[in-house]
Amino acid sequence: MSKDCKAGLDDRCRDLDGDIRQKRGDTLVGTLRKTYGSDFAPGVRSDMRLDSLRDRTGGASLSKILKGR
């Protein structure tokens, strides 16, 4: 998939049906730290999966986790 995304989508792209793609649950926290900075999810191991982090934070979306920093 090309990264020809519209500005303001927080580096997310739209699917073919127009919906904004969400980060996959199997994305590692360490990978997200490369994108969002080393202060993303402090106190959490870098090999934790995003879906586990969401469970730990009560099902919060990645956007809500980022706003809570």
PDB file of N, CA and C in Angstrom:
ATOM      1  N   MET A   1       0.847  -1.179   0.000  1.00  0.00           N
ATOM      2  CA  MET A   1       0.000   0.000   0.000  1.00  0.00           C
ATOM      3  C   MET A   1       0.889   1.236   0.000  1.00  0.00           C
ATOM      4  N   SER A   2       0.608   2.187  -0.814  1.00  0.00           N
ATOM      5  CA  SER A   2       1.422   3.398  -0.868  1.00  0.00           C
ATOM      6  C   SER A   2       1.080   4.317   0.292  1.00  0.00           C
ATOM      7  N   LYS A   3       1.993   5.195   0.620  1.00  0.00           N
ATOM      8  CA  LYS A   3       1.776   6.132   1.730  1.00  0.00           C
ATOM      9  C   LYS A   3       1.316   7.489   1.183  1.00  0.00           C
ATOM     10  N   ASP A   4       0.451   7.484   0.182  1.00  0.00           N
ATOM     11  CA  ASP A   4      -0.104   8.717  -0.364  1.00  0.00           C
ATOM     12  C   ASP A   4      -1.342   9.099   0.427  1.00  0.00           C
ATOM     13  N   CYS A   5      -1.137   9.357   1.715  1.00  0.00           N
ATOM     14  CA  CYS A   5      -2.248   9.654   2.613  1.00  0.00           C
ATOM     15  C   CYS A   5      -2.469  11.159   2.697  1.00  0.00           C
ATOM     16  N   LYS A   6      -3.653  11.537   3.012  1.00  0.00           N
ATOM     17  CA  LYS A   6      -3.982  12.938   3.219  1.00  0.00           C
ATOM     18  C   LYS A   6      -3.358  13.423   4.525  1.00  0.00           C
ATOM     19  N   ALA A   7      -2.950  14.656   4.560  1.00  0.00           N
ATOM     20  CA  ALA A   7      -2.404  15.235   5.794  1.00  0.00           C
ATOM     21  C   ALA A   7      -3.499  15.259   6.856  1.00  0.00           C
ATOM     22  N   GLY A   8      -3.101  15.093   8.107  1.00  0.00           N
ATOM     23  CA  GLY A   8      -4.056  15.146   9.188  1.00  0.00           C
ATOM     24  C   GLY A   8      -4.641  13.808   9.580  1.00  0.00           C
ATOM     25  N   LEU A   9      -4.168  12.733   8.961  1.00  0.00           N
ATOM     26  CA  LEU A   9      -4.664  11.412   9.314  1.00  0.00           C
ATOM     27  C   LEU A   9      -3.721  10.706  10.275  1.00  0.00           C
ATOM     28  N   ASP A  10      -2.775  11.414  10.888  1.00  0.00           N
ATOM     29  CA  ASP A  10      -1.841  10.820  11.845  1.00  0.00           C
ATOM     30  C   ASP A  10      -1.109   9.627  11.253  1.00  0.00           C
ATOM     31  N   ASP A  11      -0.626   9.775  10.019  1.00  0.00           N
ATOM     32  CA  ASP A  11       0.094   8.721   9.306  1.00  0.00           C
ATOM     33  C   ASP A  11      -0.740   7.471   9.080  1.00  0.00           C
ATOM     34  N   ARG A  12      -2.064   7.602   9.075  1.00  0.00           N
ATOM     35  CA  ARG A  12      -2.942   6.487   8.769  1.00  0.00           C
ATOM     36  C   ARG A  12      -3.478   6.686   7.359  1.00  0.00           C
ATOM     37  N   CYS A  13      -3.830   5.600   6.705  1.00  0.00           N
ATOM     38  CA  CYS A  13      -4.382   5.660   5.353  1.00  0.00           C
ATOM     39  C   CYS A  13      -5.825   5.182   5.377  1.00  0.00           C
ATOM     40  N   ARG A  14      -6.527   5.501   4.339  1.00  0.00           N
ATOM     41  CA  ARG A  14      -7.901   5.027   4.214  1.00  0.00           C
ATOM     42  C   ARG A  14      -7.915   3.721   3.429  1.00  0.00           C
ATOM     43  N   ASP A  15      -8.797   2.790   3.837  1.00  0.00           N
ATOM     44  CA  ASP A  15      -9.005   1.559   3.084  1.00  0.00           C
ATOM     45  C   ASP A  15      -9.719   1.918   1.784  1.00  0.00           C
ATOM     46  N   LEU A  16      -9.886   0.935   0.930  1.00  0.00           N
ATOM     47  CA  LEU A  16     -10.560   1.176  -0.347  1.00  0.00           C
ATOM     48  C   LEU A  16     -11.988   1.649  -0.162  1.00  0.00           C
ATOM     49  N   ASP A  17     -12.636   1.251   0.943  1.00  0.00           N
ATOM     50  CA  ASP A  17     -14.016   1.676   1.183  1.00  0.00           C
ATOM     51  C   ASP A  17     -14.104   3.026   1.884  1.00  0.00           C
ATOM     52  N   GLY A  18     -12.957   3.671   2.141  1.00  0.00           N
ATOM     53  CA  GLY A  18     -12.959   5.004   2.722  1.00  0.00           C
ATOM     54  C   GLY A  18     -12.731   5.052   4.216  1.00  0.00           C
ATOM     55  N   ASP A  19     -12.789   3.889   4.906  1.00  0.00           N
ATOM     56  CA  ASP A  19     -12.549   3.866   6.343  1.00  0.00           C
ATOM     57  C   ASP A  19     -11.067   4.074   6.634  1.00  0.00           C
ATOM     58  N   ILE A  20     -10.771   4.723   7.748  1.00  0.00           N
ATOM     59  CA  ILE A  20      -9.390   4.912   8.162  1.00  0.00           C
ATOM     60  C   ILE A  20      -8.902   3.612   8.770  1.00  0.00           C
ATOM     61  N   ARG A  21      -7.733   3.157   8.318  1.00  0.00           N
ATOM     62  CA  ARG A  21      -7.152   1.913   8.844  1.00  0.00           C
ATOM     63  C   ARG A  21      -6.735   2.102  10.282  1.00  0.00           C
ATOM     64  N   GLN A  22      -6.899   1.080  11.087  1.00  0.00           N
ATOM     65  CA  GLN A  22      -6.433   1.095  12.456  1.00  0.00           C
ATOM     66  C   GLN A  22      -5.164   0.265  12.543  1.00  0.00           C
ATOM     67  N   LYS A  23      -4.343   0.563  13.534  1.00  0.00           N
ATOM     68  CA  LYS A  23      -3.141  -0.227  13.750  1.00  0.00           C
ATOM     69  C   LYS A  23      -3.535  -1.652  14.103  1.00  0.00           C
ATOM     70  N   ARG A  24      -2.783  -2.599  13.596  1.00  0.00           N
ATOM     71  CA  ARG A  24      -3.037  -4.001  13.880  1.00  0.00           C
ATOM     72  C   ARG A  24      -2.722  -4.301  15.333  1.00  0.00           C
ATOM     73  N   GLY A  25      -3.451  -5.210  15.908  1.00  0.00           N
ATOM     74  CA  GLY A  25      -3.256  -5.586  17.298  1.00  0.00           C
ATOM     75  C   GLY A  25      -1.932  -6.274  17.566  1.00  0.00           C
ATOM     76  N   ASP A  26      -1.334  -6.876  16.521  1.00  0.00           N
ATOM     77  CA  ASP A  26      -0.080  -7.573  16.733  1.00  0.00           C
ATOM     78  C   ASP A  26       1.143  -6.663  16.568  1.00  0.00           C
ATOM     79  N   THR A  27       0.920  -5.368  16.426  1.00  0.00           N
ATOM     80  CA  THR A  27       2.023  -4.410  16.375  1.00  0.00           C
ATOM     81  C   THR A  27       2.662  -4.328  17.754  1.00  0.00           C
ATOM     82  N   LEU A  28       3.985  -4.368  17.796  1.00  0.00           N
ATOM     83  CA  LEU A  28       4.698  -4.333  19.069  1.00  0.00           C
ATOM     84  C   LEU A  28       4.869  -2.907  19.569  1.00  0.00           C
ATOM     85  N   VAL A  29       4.867  -2.757  20.892  1.00  0.00           N
ATOM     86  CA  VAL A  29       5.062  -1.443  21.507  1.00  0.00           C
ATOM     87  C   VAL A  29       6.397  -0.848  21.064  1.00  0.00           C
ATOM     88  N   GLY A  30       7.426  -1.683  20.923  1.00  0.00           N
ATOM     89  CA  GLY A  30       8.729  -1.203  20.469  1.00  0.00           C
ATOM     90  C   GLY A  30       8.661  -0.555  19.093  1.00  0.00           C
ATOM     91  N   THR A  31       7.855  -1.113  18.218  1.00  0.00           N
ATOM     92  CA  THR A  31       7.665  -0.541  16.884  1.00  0.00           C
ATOM     93  C   THR A  31       6.942   0.797  16.984  1.00  0.00           C
ATOM     94  N   LEU A  32       5.946   0.874  17.853  1.00  0.00           N
ATOM     95  CA  LEU A  32       5.201   2.119  18.033  1.00  0.00           C
ATOM     96  C   LEU A  32       6.093   3.204  18.649  1.00  0.00           C
ATOM     97  N   ARG A  33       7.042   2.814  19.477  1.00  0.00           N
ATOM     98  CA  ARG A  33       7.971   3.791  20.063  1.00  0.00           C
ATOM     99  C   ARG A  33       8.852   4.419  18.996  1.00  0.00           C
ATOM    100  N   LYS A  34       9.148   3.685  17.940  1.00  0.00           N
ATOM    101  CA  LYS A  34       9.935   4.256  16.833  1.00  0.00           C
ATOM    102  C   LYS A  34       9.153   5.369  16.154  1.00  0.00           C
ATOM    103  N   THR A  35       7.839   5.221  16.116  1.00  0.00           N
ATOM    104  CA  THR A  35       6.983   6.213  15.467  1.00  0.00           C
ATOM    105  C   THR A  35       6.609   7.348  16.401  1.00  0.00           C
ATOM    106  N   TYR A  36       6.219   7.015  17.650  1.00  0.00           N
ATOM    107  CA  TYR A  36       5.645   8.001  18.563  1.00  0.00           C
ATOM    108  C   TYR A  36       6.603   8.479  19.645  1.00  0.00           C
ATOM    109  N   GLY A  37       7.822   7.971  19.666  1.00  0.00           N
ATOM    110  CA  GLY A  37       8.818   8.430  20.625  1.00  0.00           C
ATOM    111  C   GLY A  37       9.022   7.450  21.762  1.00  0.00           C
ATOM    112  N   SER A  38      10.161   7.562  22.401  1.00  0.00           N
ATOM    113  CA  SER A  38      10.545   6.615  23.447  1.00  0.00           C
ATOM    114  C   SER A  38       9.670   6.720  24.698  1.00  0.00           C
ATOM    115  N   ASP A  39       8.909   7.807  24.839  1.00  0.00           N
ATOM    116  CA  ASP A  39       8.036   7.964  26.008  1.00  0.00           C
ATOM    117  C   ASP A  39       6.656   7.335  25.805  1.00  0.00           C
ATOM    118  N   PHE A  40       6.446   6.655  24.684  1.00  0.00           N
ATOM    119  CA  PHE A  40       5.176   5.975  24.440  1.00  0.00           C
ATOM    120  C   PHE A  40       5.078   4.768  25.363  1.00  0.00           C
ATOM    121  N   ALA A  41       3.997   4.643  26.090  1.00  0.00           N
ATOM    122  CA  ALA A  41       3.705   3.519  26.993  1.00  0.00           C
ATOM    123  C   ALA A  41       4.857   3.254  27.961  1.00  0.00           C
ATOM    124  N   PRO A  42       5.162   4.232  28.825  1.00  0.00           N
ATOM    125  CA  PRO A  42       6.249   4.023  29.778  1.00  0.00           C
ATOM    126  C   PRO A  42       5.917   2.892  30.751  1.00  0.00           C
ATOM    127  N   GLY A  43       6.925   2.152  31.135  1.00  0.00           N
ATOM    128  CA  GLY A  43       6.743   1.056  32.066  1.00  0.00           C
ATOM    129  C   GLY A  43       6.234  -0.223  31.431  1.00  0.00           C
ATOM    130  N   VAL A  44       6.120  -0.230  30.103  1.00  0.00           N
ATOM    131  CA  VAL A  44       5.632  -1.397  29.379  1.00  0.00           C
ATOM    132  C   VAL A  44       6.781  -1.941  28.542  1.00  0.00           C
ATOM    133  N   ARG A  45       6.934  -3.258  28.527  1.00  0.00           N
ATOM    134  CA  ARG A  45       8.003  -3.870  27.742  1.00  0.00           C
ATOM    135  C   ARG A  45       7.792  -3.631  26.252  1.00  0.00           C
ATOM    136  N   SER A  46       8.893  -3.530  25.517  1.00  0.00           N
ATOM    137  CA  SER A  46       8.803  -3.246  24.088  1.00  0.00           C
ATOM    138  C   SER A  46       8.268  -4.432  23.286  1.00  0.00           C
ATOM    139  N   ASP A  47       8.260  -5.639  23.870  1.00  0.00           N
ATOM    140  CA  ASP A  47       7.743  -6.785  23.136  1.00  0.00           C
ATOM    141  C   ASP A  47       6.257  -7.053  23.418  1.00  0.00           C
ATOM    142  N   MET A  48       5.597  -6.134  24.145  1.00  0.00           N
ATOM    143  CA  MET A  48       4.149  -6.262  24.364  1.00  0.00           C
ATOM    144  C   MET A  48       3.420  -5.887  23.075  1.00  0.00           C
ATOM    145  N   ARG A  49       2.356  -6.606  22.797  1.00  0.00           N
ATOM    146  CA  ARG A  49       1.562  -6.319  21.607  1.00  0.00           C
ATOM    147  C   ARG A  49       0.567  -5.199  21.897  1.00  0.00           C
ATOM    148  N   LEU A  50       0.176  -4.483  20.843  1.00  0.00           N
ATOM    149  CA  LEU A  50      -0.775  -3.386  20.986  1.00  0.00           C
ATOM    150  C   LEU A  50      -2.105  -3.871  21.532  1.00  0.00           C
ATOM    151  N   ASP A  51      -2.581  -5.033  21.114  1.00  0.00           N
ATOM    152  CA  ASP A  51      -3.866  -5.508  21.632  1.00  0.00           C
ATOM    153  C   ASP A  51      -3.790  -5.792  23.132  1.00  0.00           C
ATOM    154  N   SER A  52      -2.643  -6.250  23.623  1.00  0.00           N
ATOM    155  CA  SER A  52      -2.464  -6.449  25.070  1.00  0.00           C
ATOM    156  C   SER A  52      -2.441  -5.110  25.800  1.00  0.00           C
ATOM    157  N   LEU A  53      -1.800  -4.116  25.204  1.00  0.00           N
ATOM    158  CA  LEU A  53      -1.765  -2.776  25.796  1.00  0.00           C
ATOM    159  C   LEU A  53      -3.168  -2.183  25.845  1.00  0.00           C
ATOM    160  N   ARG A  54      -3.933  -2.388  24.790  1.00  0.00           N
ATOM    161  CA  ARG A  54      -5.328  -1.909  24.788  1.00  0.00           C
ATOM    162  C   ARG A  54      -6.133  -2.575  25.898  1.00  0.00           C
ATOM    163  N   ASP A  55      -5.945  -3.884  26.080  1.00  0.00           N
ATOM    164  CA  ASP A  55      -6.640  -4.591  27.169  1.00  0.00           C
ATOM    165  C   ASP A  55      -6.254  -4.006  28.516  1.00  0.00           C
ATOM    166  N   ARG A  56      -4.976  -3.720  28.699  1.00  0.00           N
ATOM    167  CA  ARG A  56      -4.488  -3.179  29.973  1.00  0.00           C
ATOM    168  C   ARG A  56      -5.046  -1.790  30.240  1.00  0.00           C
ATOM    169  N   THR A  57      -5.320  -1.028  29.185  1.00  0.00           N
ATOM    170  CA  THR A  57      -5.827   0.332  29.345  1.00  0.00           C
ATOM    171  C   THR A  57      -7.347   0.401  29.201  1.00  0.00           C
ATOM    172  N   GLY A  58      -8.007  -0.732  29.341  1.00  0.00           N
ATOM    173  CA  GLY A  58      -9.467  -0.742  29.288  1.00  0.00           C
ATOM    174  C   GLY A  58     -10.035  -0.655  27.889  1.00  0.00           C
ATOM    175  N   GLY A  59      -9.282  -1.117  26.904  1.00  0.00           N
ATOM    176  CA  GLY A  59      -9.773  -1.130  25.535  1.00  0.00           C
ATOM    177  C   GLY A  59      -9.616   0.189  24.804  1.00  0.00           C
ATOM    178  N   ALA A  60      -8.779   1.076  25.334  1.00  0.00           N
ATOM    179  CA  ALA A  60      -8.588   2.388  24.712  1.00  0.00           C
ATOM    180  C   ALA A  60      -7.959   2.234  23.331  1.00  0.00           C
ATOM    181  N   SER A  61      -8.362   3.087  22.421  1.00  0.00           N
ATOM    182  CA  SER A  61      -7.771   3.091  21.085  1.00  0.00           C
ATOM    183  C   SER A  61      -6.365   3.673  21.156  1.00  0.00           C
ATOM    184  N   LEU A  62      -5.602   3.484  20.092  1.00  0.00           N
ATOM    185  CA  LEU A  62      -4.255   4.037  20.031  1.00  0.00           C
ATOM    186  C   LEU A  62      -4.305   5.557  20.164  1.00  0.00           C
ATOM    187  N   SER A  63      -5.286   6.187  19.570  1.00  0.00           N
ATOM    188  CA  SER A  63      -5.421   7.650  19.678  1.00  0.00           C
ATOM    189  C   SER A  63      -5.612   8.084  21.125  1.00  0.00           C
ATOM    190  N   LYS A  64      -6.438   7.349  21.865  1.00  0.00           N
ATOM    191  CA  LYS A  64      -6.665   7.700  23.268  1.00  0.00           C
ATOM    192  C   LYS A  64      -5.435   7.427  24.116  1.00  0.00           C
ATOM    193  N   ILE A  65      -4.703   6.358  23.800  1.00  0.00           N
ATOM    194  CA  ILE A  65      -3.459   6.083  24.516  1.00  0.00           C
ATOM    195  C   ILE A  65      -2.464   7.204  24.275  1.00  0.00           C
ATOM    196  N   LEU A  66      -2.393   7.689  23.034  1.00  0.00           N
ATOM    197  CA  LEU A  66      -1.475   8.785  22.707  1.00  0.00           C
ATOM    198  C   LEU A  66      -1.876  10.082  23.407  1.00  0.00           C
ATOM    199  N   LYS A  67      -3.170  10.355  23.517  1.00  0.00           N
ATOM    200  CA  LYS A  67      -3.627  11.578  24.185  1.00  0.00           C
ATOM    201  C   LYS A  67      -3.371  11.536  25.672  1.00  0.00           C
ATOM    202  N   GLY A  68      -3.308  10.329  26.259  1.00  0.00           N
ATOM    203  CA  GLY A  68      -3.101  10.170  27.681  1.00  0.00           C
ATOM    204  C   GLY A  68      -1.649  10.337  28.115  1.00  0.00           C
ATOM    205  N   ARG A  69      -0.752  10.574  27.160  1.00  0.00           N
ATOM    206  CA  ARG A  69       0.675  10.712  27.515  1.00  0.00           C
ATOM    207  C   ARG A  69       0.944  12.024  28.155  1.00  0.00           C
TER     208      ARG A  69
END
